[in-house]
Amino acid sequence: MHTHRIGPQIALAALAVLTFPITSPCQTVGSAPRVENSLIGFLPSGPHVIDSGTETSPQDSGASSRALNADQPHHGLIVRSVIRGLQDQKGLYLAPFKPSNLKWDALFLAGTGALIATDRPADRALPNTHVDLYRNITNVSLDGTSATLIGLWAYGIKKKDEHAKETGELELETLANTFLVYTPMQFIAGRERPEEGTGDGRFGVSRGFNTSFPAGHPMFTWAMATVVAKEYPKPWVKLLAYGAATSVSMGRFLGREHFASDILVWTVLGYAIGSHIFHTRCNPERSDACPR
């Protein structure tokens, strides 16, 4: 086992678990916005259908859901956080099974299958130089992104900046939901890393909390980067956020920590989870970027 690989993942996982109950007091509990999505169910697209049978825009759908939320009973902080977490997990896990998303599921699975079939040849073609450098770059990018967002949240609390506070709160909620997807998949997939065993990336072999699939560094970084890029949709913010996330994905591949299919799947899902949390949990009264 390469213990140095899991330090940042464990730190983020612990942060997510410890801070998951810390969610926005200004947001009330109710059913999560009924949002139809694409790309295995998470990315917003097209018109949205609500229970009345009429089509609305994504903004109208979110606004309707938030109006319904206002009529829901108020709970304590911990109870509200647990309810929100269960709603988020239900939405994340059920989204791929919506009929409207099946075509995206098929496309995504086909691409993943093609990459898995070529994982070993692609790994053998990588250079053997600067491996440790690439690994260090990924750790710095992940830690730097985490520290920046913690600083933004602290700034929001100190200066009473509701937008910055919401960004920090949604980041924590995103990390918690990412962790709850990431953890079971570690044990279910059990895939060997490129430098473990036969080097073929066999599934169902590796045991424990340090397997190749999912790719934790890309998944967590893309989830965090997506929330901040959507909360602050300025070109330079997107460039910095997605640039850091891209460097993590590429660094983990060039550092021989993961196969190409691991990187693709969990980069996409990290982005999808961050998008899902933002669109279902943002508050237009606290953030101008939130759809109204």
C-alpha atoms as a PDB file:
ATOM      1  CA  MET A   1       0.000   0.000   0.000  1.00  0.00           C
ATOM      2  CA  HIS A   2       1.169   3.530  -0.781  1.00  0.00           C
ATOM      3  CA  THR A   3      -0.068   5.390   2.235  1.00  0.00           C
ATOM      4  CA  HIS A   4       1.011   8.773   0.910  1.00  0.00           C
ATOM      5  CA  ARG A   5      -1.683   8.532  -1.719  1.00  0.00           C
ATOM      6  CA  ILE A   6      -4.638   8.630   0.631  1.00  0.00           C
ATOM      7  CA  GLY A   7      -3.734  11.462   2.980  1.00  0.00           C
ATOM      8  CA  PRO A   8      -5.625  14.262   1.158  1.00  0.00           C
ATOM      9  CA  GLN A   9      -8.572  11.954   0.466  1.00  0.00           C
ATOM     10  CA  ILE A  10      -8.903  10.977   4.105  1.00  0.00           C
ATOM     11  CA  ALA A  11      -8.572  14.611   5.175  1.00  0.00           C
ATOM     12  CA  LEU A  12     -11.330  15.691   2.806  1.00  0.00           C
ATOM     13  CA  ALA A  13     -13.471  12.729   3.759  1.00  0.00           C
ATOM     14  CA  ALA A  14     -13.107  13.544   7.446  1.00  0.00           C
ATOM     15  CA  LEU A  15     -13.885  17.216   6.752  1.00  0.00           C
ATOM     16  CA  ALA A  16     -16.994  16.238   4.829  1.00  0.00           C
ATOM     17  CA  VAL A  17     -18.277  13.901   7.524  1.00  0.00           C
ATOM     18  CA  LEU A  18     -17.543  16.268  10.396  1.00  0.00           C
ATOM     19  CA  THR A  19     -18.998  19.330   8.743  1.00  0.00           C
ATOM     20  CA  PHE A  20     -21.957  17.848   6.838  1.00  0.00           C
ATOM     21  CA  PRO A  21     -24.446  19.064   9.480  1.00  0.00           C
ATOM     22  CA  ILE A  22     -23.267  22.648   8.913  1.00  0.00           C
ATOM     23  CA  THR A  23     -25.741  23.809   6.290  1.00  0.00           C
ATOM     24  CA  SER A  24     -27.416  27.112   5.625  1.00  0.00           C
ATOM     25  CA  PRO A  25     -29.834  28.221   8.356  1.00  0.00           C
ATOM     26  CA  CYS A  26     -31.464  30.420   5.731  1.00  0.00           C
ATOM     27  CA  GLN A  27     -32.546  27.479   3.605  1.00  0.00           C
ATOM     28  CA  THR A  28     -35.584  25.473   4.577  1.00  0.00           C
ATOM     29  CA  VAL A  29     -36.267  21.810   4.113  1.00  0.00           C
ATOM     30  CA  GLY A  30     -38.609  20.374   1.575  1.00  0.00           C
ATOM     31  CA  SER A  31     -38.539  18.188  -1.457  1.00  0.00           C
ATOM     32  CA  ALA A  32     -35.507  18.753  -3.628  1.00  0.00           C
ATOM     33  CA  PRO A  33     -36.278  20.698  -6.799  1.00  0.00           C
ATOM     34  CA  ARG A  34     -37.720  18.443  -9.436  1.00  0.00           C
ATOM     35  CA  VAL A  35     -35.097  18.839 -12.130  1.00  0.00           C
ATOM     36  CA  GLU A  36     -34.747  16.792 -15.286  1.00  0.00           C
ATOM     37  CA  ASN A  37     -31.111  16.402 -16.225  1.00  0.00           C
ATOM     38  CA  SER A  38     -28.771  15.030 -18.830  1.00  0.00           C
ATOM     39  CA  LEU A  39     -25.381  13.323 -18.760  1.00  0.00           C
ATOM     40  CA  ILE A  40     -26.328  10.438 -16.441  1.00  0.00           C
ATOM     41  CA  GLY A  41     -28.868  12.571 -14.732  1.00  0.00           C
ATOM     42  CA  PHE A  42     -26.952  15.427 -13.209  1.00  0.00           C
ATOM     43  CA  LEU A  43     -26.327  18.194 -15.725  1.00  0.00           C
ATOM     44  CA  PRO A  44     -29.202  20.610 -16.399  1.00  0.00           C
ATOM     45  CA  SER A  45     -30.735  20.639 -19.848  1.00  0.00           C
ATOM     46  CA  GLY A  46     -33.881  21.451 -21.746  1.00  0.00           C
ATOM     47  CA  PRO A  47     -37.357  22.299 -20.450  1.00  0.00           C
ATOM     48  CA  HIS A  48     -38.402  20.950 -17.089  1.00  0.00           C
ATOM     49  CA  VAL A  49     -41.675  19.310 -16.171  1.00  0.00           C
ATOM     50  CA  ILE A  50     -43.337  19.803 -12.814  1.00  0.00           C
ATOM     51  CA  ASP A  51     -46.287  17.962 -11.317  1.00  0.00           C
ATOM     52  CA  SER A  52     -48.876  20.153 -12.981  1.00  0.00           C
ATOM     53  CA  GLY A  53     -47.797  18.770 -16.337  1.00  0.00           C
ATOM     54  CA  THR A  54     -46.691  22.138 -17.686  1.00  0.00           C
ATOM     55  CA  GLU A  55     -43.232  22.788 -18.979  1.00  0.00           C
ATOM     56  CA  THR A  56     -41.112  25.386 -17.268  1.00  0.00           C
ATOM     57  CA  SER A  57     -37.568  26.621 -17.539  1.00  0.00           C
ATOM     58  CA  PRO A  58     -34.905  25.359 -15.089  1.00  0.00           C
ATOM     59  CA  GLN A  59     -35.111  28.713 -13.323  1.00  0.00           C
ATOM     60  CA  ASP A  60     -38.899  28.467 -12.892  1.00  0.00           C
ATOM     61  CA  SER A  61     -38.650  24.895 -11.691  1.00  0.00           C
ATOM     62  CA  GLY A  62     -36.121  25.834  -9.036  1.00  0.00           C
ATOM     63  CA  ALA A  63     -38.156  28.858  -7.971  1.00  0.00           C
ATOM     64  CA  SER A  64     -41.308  26.734  -7.648  1.00  0.00           C
ATOM     65  CA  SER A  65     -39.494  24.219  -5.488  1.00  0.00           C
ATOM     66  CA  ARG A  66     -38.091  26.926  -3.240  1.00  0.00           C
ATOM     67  CA  ALA A  67     -41.587  28.400  -2.833  1.00  0.00           C
ATOM     68  CA  LEU A  68     -42.902  24.985  -1.815  1.00  0.00           C
ATOM     69  CA  ASN A  69     -40.031  24.620   0.631  1.00  0.00           C
ATOM     70  CA  ALA A  70     -41.168  27.712   2.491  1.00  0.00           C
ATOM     71  CA  ASP A  71     -44.346  25.898   3.506  1.00  0.00           C
ATOM     72  CA  GLN A  72     -42.503  22.936   4.989  1.00  0.00           C
ATOM     73  CA  PRO A  73     -42.066  22.574   8.777  1.00  0.00           C
ATOM     74  CA  HIS A  74     -38.811  23.829  10.279  1.00  0.00           C
ATOM     75  CA  HIS A  75     -36.435  21.330  11.871  1.00  0.00           C
ATOM     76  CA  GLY A  76     -33.341  21.612  13.985  1.00  0.00           C
ATOM     77  CA  LEU A  77     -29.970  22.002  12.283  1.00  0.00           C
ATOM     78  CA  ILE A  78     -28.916  18.348  12.541  1.00  0.00           C
ATOM     79  CA  VAL A  79     -32.297  16.935  11.521  1.00  0.00           C
ATOM     80  CA  ARG A  80     -32.498  19.379   8.606  1.00  0.00           C
ATOM     81  CA  SER A  81     -29.017  18.420   7.469  1.00  0.00           C
ATOM     82  CA  VAL A  82     -29.787  14.707   7.580  1.00  0.00           C
ATOM     83  CA  ILE A  83     -32.997  15.215   5.603  1.00  0.00           C
ATOM     84  CA  ARG A  84     -31.177  17.303   3.007  1.00  0.00           C
ATOM     85  CA  GLY A  85     -28.435  14.691   2.759  1.00  0.00           C
ATOM     86  CA  LEU A  86     -30.915  11.878   2.188  1.00  0.00           C
ATOM     87  CA  GLN A  87     -32.715  13.936  -0.443  1.00  0.00           C
ATOM     88  CA  ASP A  88     -29.439  14.670  -2.217  1.00  0.00           C
ATOM     89  CA  GLN A  89     -28.334  11.043  -2.173  1.00  0.00           C
ATOM     90  CA  LYS A  90     -31.693   9.881  -3.461  1.00  0.00           C
ATOM     91  CA  GLY A  91     -31.520  12.392  -6.301  1.00  0.00           C
ATOM     92  CA  LEU A  92     -27.939  11.471  -7.198  1.00  0.00           C
ATOM     93  CA  TYR A  93     -28.485   7.727  -7.225  1.00  0.00           C
ATOM     94  CA  LEU A  94     -31.873   7.725  -8.984  1.00  0.00           C
ATOM     95  CA  ALA A  95     -31.039  10.298 -11.670  1.00  0.00           C
ATOM     96  CA  PRO A  96     -29.388   7.810 -14.092  1.00  0.00           C
ATOM     97  CA  PHE A  97     -32.558   5.677 -14.107  1.00  0.00           C
ATOM     98  CA  LYS A  98     -34.861   8.384 -15.398  1.00  0.00           C
ATOM     99  CA  PRO A  99     -36.090   7.461 -18.901  1.00  0.00           C
ATOM    100  CA  SER A 100     -34.985  10.824 -20.272  1.00  0.00           C
ATOM    101  CA  ASN A 101     -31.411  10.102 -19.184  1.00  0.00           C
ATOM    102  CA  LEU A 102     -31.005   6.576 -20.561  1.00  0.00           C
ATOM    103  CA  LYS A 103     -29.477   7.755 -23.826  1.00  0.00           C
ATOM    104  CA  TRP A 104     -26.842   9.697 -21.897  1.00  0.00           C
ATOM    105  CA  ASP A 105     -26.203   6.690 -19.675  1.00  0.00           C
ATOM    106  CA  ALA A 106     -25.601   4.513 -22.733  1.00  0.00           C
ATOM    107  CA  LEU A 107     -23.191   7.027 -24.250  1.00  0.00           C
ATOM    108  CA  PHE A 108     -21.314   7.447 -20.982  1.00  0.00           C
ATOM    109  CA  LEU A 109     -21.065   3.702 -20.355  1.00  0.00           C
ATOM    110  CA  ALA A 110     -19.903   3.054 -23.912  1.00  0.00           C
ATOM    111  CA  GLY A 111     -17.121   5.603 -23.544  1.00  0.00           C
ATOM    112  CA  THR A 112     -16.119   4.159 -20.183  1.00  0.00           C
ATOM    113  CA  GLY A 113     -16.052   0.637 -21.572  1.00  0.00           C
ATOM    114  CA  ALA A 114     -13.872   1.713 -24.489  1.00  0.00           C
ATOM    115  CA  LEU A 115     -11.396   3.353 -22.129  1.00  0.00           C
ATOM    116  CA  ILE A 116     -11.283   0.348 -19.795  1.00  0.00           C
ATOM    117  CA  ALA A 117     -10.448  -1.840 -22.800  1.00  0.00           C
ATOM    118  CA  THR A 118      -7.480   0.388 -23.649  1.00  0.00           C
ATOM    119  CA  ASP A 119      -6.393   1.265 -20.104  1.00  0.00           C
ATOM    120  CA  ARG A 120      -3.368  -1.015 -19.980  1.00  0.00           C
ATOM    121  CA  PRO A 121      -1.865  -0.033 -23.392  1.00  0.00           C
ATOM    122  CA  ALA A 122      -2.392   3.634 -22.570  1.00  0.00           C
ATOM    123  CA  ASP A 123      -0.665   3.250 -19.205  1.00  0.00           C
ATOM    124  CA  ARG A 124       2.307   1.479 -20.778  1.00  0.00           C
ATOM    125  CA  ALA A 125       2.724   4.337 -23.239  1.00  0.00           C
ATOM    126  CA  LEU A 126       3.197   6.892 -20.461  1.00  0.00           C
ATOM    127  CA  PRO A 127       6.706   8.144 -19.698  1.00  0.00           C
ATOM    128  CA  ASN A 128       8.342   6.901 -16.510  1.00  0.00           C
ATOM    129  CA  THR A 129       9.934  10.239 -15.697  1.00  0.00           C
ATOM    130  CA  HIS A 130       8.759  12.900 -13.226  1.00  0.00           C
ATOM    131  CA  VAL A 131       6.184  10.554 -11.694  1.00  0.00           C
ATOM    132  CA  ASP A 132       6.682  11.956  -8.190  1.00  0.00           C
ATOM    133  CA  LEU A 133       6.461  15.511  -9.551  1.00  0.00           C
ATOM    134  CA  TYR A 134       3.052  14.826 -11.063  1.00  0.00           C
ATOM    135  CA  ARG A 135       1.853  13.310  -7.810  1.00  0.00           C
ATOM    136  CA  ASN A 136       3.051  16.308  -5.836  1.00  0.00           C
ATOM    137  CA  ILE A 137       1.322  18.686  -8.252  1.00  0.00           C
ATOM    138  CA  THR A 138      -1.998  16.927  -7.697  1.00  0.00           C
ATOM    139  CA  ASN A 139      -1.625  17.154  -3.922  1.00  0.00           C
ATOM    140  CA  VAL A 140      -0.754  20.842  -4.091  1.00  0.00           C
ATOM    141  CA  SER A 141      -3.687  21.591  -6.418  1.00  0.00           C
ATOM    142  CA  LEU A 142      -6.154  19.688  -4.250  1.00  0.00           C
ATOM    143  CA  ASP A 143      -4.880  21.174  -0.988  1.00  0.00           C
ATOM    144  CA  GLY A 144      -4.717  24.655  -2.517  1.00  0.00           C
ATOM    145  CA  THR A 145      -8.294  24.446  -3.769  1.00  0.00           C
ATOM    146  CA  SER A 146      -9.486  23.244  -0.360  1.00  0.00           C
ATOM    147  CA  ALA A 147      -7.606  25.978   1.512  1.00  0.00           C
ATOM    148  CA  THR A 148      -8.901  28.694  -0.828  1.00  0.00           C
ATOM    149  CA  LEU A 149     -12.507  27.645  -0.350  1.00  0.00           C
ATOM    150  CA  ILE A 150     -12.119  27.379   3.418  1.00  0.00           C
ATOM    151  CA  GLY A 151     -10.701  30.897   3.348  1.00  0.00           C
ATOM    152  CA  LEU A 152     -13.646  32.108   1.259  1.00  0.00           C
ATOM    153  CA  TRP A 153     -16.101  30.604   3.728  1.00  0.00           C
ATOM    154  CA  ALA A 154     -14.246  32.161   6.691  1.00  0.00           C
ATOM    155  CA  TYR A 155     -14.291  35.517   4.908  1.00  0.00           C
ATOM    156  CA  GLY A 156     -18.039  35.211   4.387  1.00  0.00           C
ATOM    157  CA  ILE A 157     -18.608  34.490   8.073  1.00  0.00           C
ATOM    158  CA  LYS A 158     -16.366  37.305   9.266  1.00  0.00           C
ATOM    159  CA  LYS A 159     -17.631  39.938   6.837  1.00  0.00           C
ATOM    160  CA  LYS A 160     -21.235  38.685   6.860  1.00  0.00           C
ATOM    161  CA  ASP A 161     -21.019  38.147   3.111  1.00  0.00           C
ATOM    162  CA  GLU A 162     -23.996  35.857   2.430  1.00  0.00           C
ATOM    163  CA  HIS A 163     -22.771  34.864  -1.029  1.00  0.00           C
ATOM    164  CA  ALA A 164     -19.379  33.720   0.256  1.00  0.00           C
ATOM    165  CA  LYS A 165     -21.041  31.958   3.192  1.00  0.00           C
ATOM    166  CA  GLU A 166     -23.373  30.082   0.876  1.00  0.00           C
ATOM    167  CA  THR A 167     -20.451  29.028  -1.312  1.00  0.00           C
ATOM    168  CA  GLY A 168     -18.656  27.565   1.693  1.00  0.00           C
ATOM    169  CA  GLU A 169     -21.773  25.803   2.931  1.00  0.00           C
ATOM    170  CA  LEU A 170     -22.541  24.292  -0.480  1.00  0.00           C
ATOM    171  CA  GLU A 171     -18.918  23.191  -0.793  1.00  0.00           C
ATOM    172  CA  LEU A 172     -19.243  21.251   2.458  1.00  0.00           C
ATOM    173  CA  GLU A 173     -22.525  19.727   1.384  1.00  0.00           C
ATOM    174  CA  THR A 174     -20.970  18.783  -1.945  1.00  0.00           C
ATOM    175  CA  LEU A 175     -17.995  17.135  -0.223  1.00  0.00           C
ATOM    176  CA  ALA A 176     -20.298  15.164   2.051  1.00  0.00           C
ATOM    177  CA  ASN A 177     -22.343  13.880  -0.881  1.00  0.00           C
ATOM    178  CA  THR A 178     -19.202  13.133  -2.887  1.00  0.00           C
ATOM    179  CA  PHE A 179     -17.806  11.157   0.029  1.00  0.00           C
ATOM    180  CA  LEU A 180     -21.018   9.138   0.347  1.00  0.00           C
ATOM    181  CA  VAL A 181     -20.754   8.146  -3.316  1.00  0.00           C
ATOM    182  CA  TYR A 182     -16.993   7.642  -3.272  1.00  0.00           C
ATOM    183  CA  THR A 183     -16.748   5.387  -0.216  1.00  0.00           C
ATOM    184  CA  PRO A 184     -19.015   2.475  -1.188  1.00  0.00           C
ATOM    185  CA  MET A 185     -17.595   2.431  -4.710  1.00  0.00           C
ATOM    186  CA  GLN A 186     -14.082   1.971  -3.306  1.00  0.00           C
ATOM    187  CA  PHE A 187     -15.154  -1.349  -1.800  1.00  0.00           C
ATOM    188  CA  ILE A 188     -17.528  -2.400  -4.585  1.00  0.00           C
ATOM    189  CA  ALA A 189     -15.098  -1.858  -7.485  1.00  0.00           C
ATOM    190  CA  GLY A 190     -11.932  -3.010  -5.707  1.00  0.00           C
ATOM    191  CA  ARG A 191      -9.730  -2.101  -8.662  1.00  0.00           C
ATOM    192  CA  GLU A 192      -5.950  -2.392  -8.511  1.00  0.00           C
ATOM    193  CA  ARG A 193      -3.864   0.688  -9.254  1.00  0.00           C
ATOM    194  CA  PRO A 194      -1.577   0.735 -12.316  1.00  0.00           C
ATOM    195  CA  GLU A 195       1.465  -0.197 -10.218  1.00  0.00           C
ATOM    196  CA  GLU A 196      -0.271  -2.908  -8.192  1.00  0.00           C
ATOM    197  CA  GLY A 197      -0.605  -6.630  -8.868  1.00  0.00           C
ATOM    198  CA  THR A 198      -0.312  -7.557 -12.523  1.00  0.00           C
ATOM    199  CA  GLY A 199      -0.680  -3.925 -13.616  1.00  0.00           C
ATOM    200  CA  ASP A 200      -3.820  -4.786 -15.577  1.00  0.00           C
ATOM    201  CA  GLY A 201      -6.189  -2.867 -13.317  1.00  0.00           C
ATOM    202  CA  ARG A 202      -8.214  -5.891 -12.279  1.00  0.00           C
ATOM    203  CA  PHE A 203     -11.561  -5.221 -10.615  1.00  0.00           C
ATOM    204  CA  GLY A 204     -12.773  -6.987  -7.483  1.00  0.00           C
ATOM    205  CA  VAL A 205      -9.246  -7.710  -6.286  1.00  0.00           C
ATOM    206  CA  SER A 206      -8.056  -4.788  -4.170  1.00  0.00           C
ATOM    207  CA  ARG A 207      -9.593  -4.334  -0.744  1.00  0.00           C
ATOM    208  CA  GLY A 208      -9.705  -1.322   1.525  1.00  0.00           C
ATOM    209  CA  PHE A 209      -9.964   2.426   1.187  1.00  0.00           C
ATOM    210  CA  ASN A 210      -7.192   2.955  -1.350  1.00  0.00           C
ATOM    211  CA  THR A 211      -8.230   1.540  -4.710  1.00  0.00           C
ATOM    212  CA  SER A 212      -7.918   2.907  -8.226  1.00  0.00           C
ATOM    213  CA  PHE A 213     -11.634   3.251  -8.913  1.00  0.00           C
ATOM    214  CA  PRO A 214     -13.020   5.799  -8.015  1.00  0.00           C
ATOM    215  CA  ALA A 215     -10.305   8.379  -8.609  1.00  0.00           C
ATOM    216  CA  GLY A 216     -10.706  10.364  -5.400  1.00  0.00           C
ATOM    217  CA  HIS A 217      -8.445  13.353  -6.065  1.00  0.00           C
ATOM    218  CA  PRO A 218     -10.147  14.301  -9.367  1.00  0.00           C
ATOM    219  CA  MET A 219     -13.610  13.567  -8.009  1.00  0.00           C
ATOM    220  CA  PHE A 220     -13.297  15.783  -4.929  1.00  0.00           C
ATOM    221  CA  THR A 221     -11.456  18.581  -6.732  1.00  0.00           C
ATOM    222  CA  TRP A 222     -13.917  18.770  -9.627  1.00  0.00           C
ATOM    223  CA  ALA A 223     -16.842  18.755  -7.200  1.00  0.00           C
ATOM    224  CA  MET A 224     -15.386  21.706  -5.282  1.00  0.00           C
ATOM    225  CA  ALA A 225     -14.283  23.572  -8.404  1.00  0.00           C
ATOM    226  CA  THR A 226     -17.718  23.234  -9.984  1.00  0.00           C
ATOM    227  CA  VAL A 227     -19.533  24.809  -7.042  1.00  0.00           C
ATOM    228  CA  VAL A 228     -17.257  27.839  -6.872  1.00  0.00           C
ATOM    229  CA  ALA A 229     -17.284  28.257 -10.669  1.00  0.00           C
ATOM    230  CA  LYS A 230     -21.078  28.286 -10.668  1.00  0.00           C
ATOM    231  CA  GLU A 231     -21.365  30.578  -7.651  1.00  0.00           C
ATOM    232  CA  TYR A 232     -18.895  33.023  -9.227  1.00  0.00           C
ATOM    233  CA  PRO A 233     -19.352  32.518 -12.996  1.00  0.00           C
ATOM    234  CA  LYS A 234     -16.648  34.952 -14.026  1.00  0.00           C
ATOM    235  CA  PRO A 235     -14.195  33.793 -16.717  1.00  0.00           C
ATOM    236  CA  TRP A 236     -11.124  34.136 -14.493  1.00  0.00           C
ATOM    237  CA  VAL A 237     -12.768  32.210 -11.631  1.00  0.00           C
ATOM    238  CA  LYS A 238     -13.751  29.394 -13.983  1.00  0.00           C
ATOM    239  CA  LEU A 239     -10.240  29.356 -15.443  1.00  0.00           C
ATOM    240  CA  LEU A 240      -8.617  29.043 -12.019  1.00  0.00           C
ATOM    241  CA  ALA A 241     -11.129  26.535 -10.631  1.00  0.00           C
ATOM    242  CA  TYR A 242     -11.345  24.234 -13.616  1.00  0.00           C
ATOM    243  CA  GLY A 243      -7.645  24.694 -14.345  1.00  0.00           C
ATOM    244  CA  ALA A 244      -6.746  23.403 -10.878  1.00  0.00           C
ATOM    245  CA  ALA A 245      -9.173  20.488 -11.275  1.00  0.00           C
ATOM    246  CA  THR A 246      -7.746  19.620 -14.696  1.00  0.00           C
ATOM    247  CA  SER A 247      -4.206  19.625 -13.310  1.00  0.00           C
ATOM    248  CA  VAL A 248      -5.334  17.145 -10.649  1.00  0.00           C
ATOM    249  CA  SER A 249      -6.932  14.829 -13.214  1.00  0.00           C
ATOM    250  CA  MET A 250      -3.921  14.908 -15.524  1.00  0.00           C
ATOM    251  CA  GLY A 251      -1.437  14.650 -12.668  1.00  0.00           C
ATOM    252  CA  ARG A 252      -3.075  11.523 -11.276  1.00  0.00           C
ATOM    253  CA  PHE A 253      -2.939   9.929 -14.714  1.00  0.00           C
ATOM    254  CA  LEU A 254       0.652  10.923 -15.510  1.00  0.00           C
ATOM    255  CA  GLY A 255       1.660  10.011 -11.962  1.00  0.00           C
ATOM    256  CA  ARG A 256       0.376   6.465 -12.590  1.00  0.00           C
ATOM    257  CA  GLU A 257      -2.080   6.625  -9.725  1.00  0.00           C
ATOM    258  CA  HIS A 258      -5.113   5.841 -11.878  1.00  0.00           C
ATOM    259  CA  PHE A 259      -6.043   4.524 -15.294  1.00  0.00           C
ATOM    260  CA  ALA A 260      -7.614   6.780 -17.933  1.00  0.00           C
ATOM    261  CA  SER A 261     -11.087   5.315 -17.376  1.00  0.00           C
ATOM    262  CA  ASP A 262     -10.848   6.015 -13.633  1.00  0.00           C
ATOM    263  CA  ILE A 263     -10.017   9.641 -14.358  1.00  0.00           C
ATOM    264  CA  LEU A 264     -12.801  10.125 -16.911  1.00  0.00           C
ATOM    265  CA  VAL A 265     -15.590   8.558 -14.876  1.00  0.00           C
ATOM    266  CA  TRP A 266     -14.851  10.344 -11.631  1.00  0.00           C
ATOM    267  CA  THR A 267     -13.962  13.674 -13.192  1.00  0.00           C
ATOM    268  CA  VAL A 268     -17.382  13.702 -14.845  1.00  0.00           C
ATOM    269  CA  LEU A 269     -19.165  12.535 -11.688  1.00  0.00           C
ATOM    270  CA  GLY A 270     -17.348  15.091  -9.525  1.00  0.00           C
ATOM    271  CA  TYR A 271     -18.526  17.835 -11.873  1.00  0.00           C
ATOM    272  CA  ALA A 272     -22.021  16.334 -11.929  1.00  0.00           C
ATOM    273  CA  ILE A 273     -22.333  16.186  -8.133  1.00  0.00           C
ATOM    274  CA  GLY A 274     -21.154  19.782  -7.768  1.00  0.00           C
ATOM    275  CA  SER A 275     -23.664  20.897 -10.420  1.00  0.00           C
ATOM    276  CA  HIS A 276     -26.483  18.964  -8.781  1.00  0.00           C
ATOM    277  CA  ILE A 277     -25.890  20.467  -5.339  1.00  0.00           C
ATOM    278  CA  PHE A 278     -25.598  23.993  -6.704  1.00  0.00           C
ATOM    279  CA  HIS A 279     -28.781  23.830  -8.771  1.00  0.00           C
ATOM    280  CA  THR A 280     -30.865  22.194  -6.037  1.00  0.00           C
ATOM    281  CA  ARG A 281     -29.517  24.009  -2.971  1.00  0.00           C
ATOM    282  CA  CYS A 282     -28.453  27.517  -3.989  1.00  0.00           C
ATOM    283  CA  ASN A 283     -30.491  30.430  -2.648  1.00  0.00           C
ATOM    284  CA  PRO A 284     -31.242  33.339  -5.027  1.00  0.00           C
ATOM    285  CA  GLU A 285     -31.489  35.665  -2.032  1.00  0.00           C
ATOM    286  CA  ARG A 286     -27.856  34.948  -1.195  1.00  0.00           C
ATOM    287  CA  SER A 287     -26.343  34.446  -4.628  1.00  0.00           C
ATOM    288  CA  ASP A 288     -27.010  36.364  -7.843  1.00  0.00           C
ATOM    289  CA  ALA A 289     -25.737  33.349  -9.791  1.00  0.00           C
ATOM    290  CA  CYS A 290     -28.528  31.121  -8.476  1.00  0.00           C
ATOM    291  CA  PRO A 291     -31.317  30.542 -11.066  1.00  0.00           C
ATOM    292  CA  ARG A 292     -34.484  32.357 -10.054  1.00  0.00           C
END
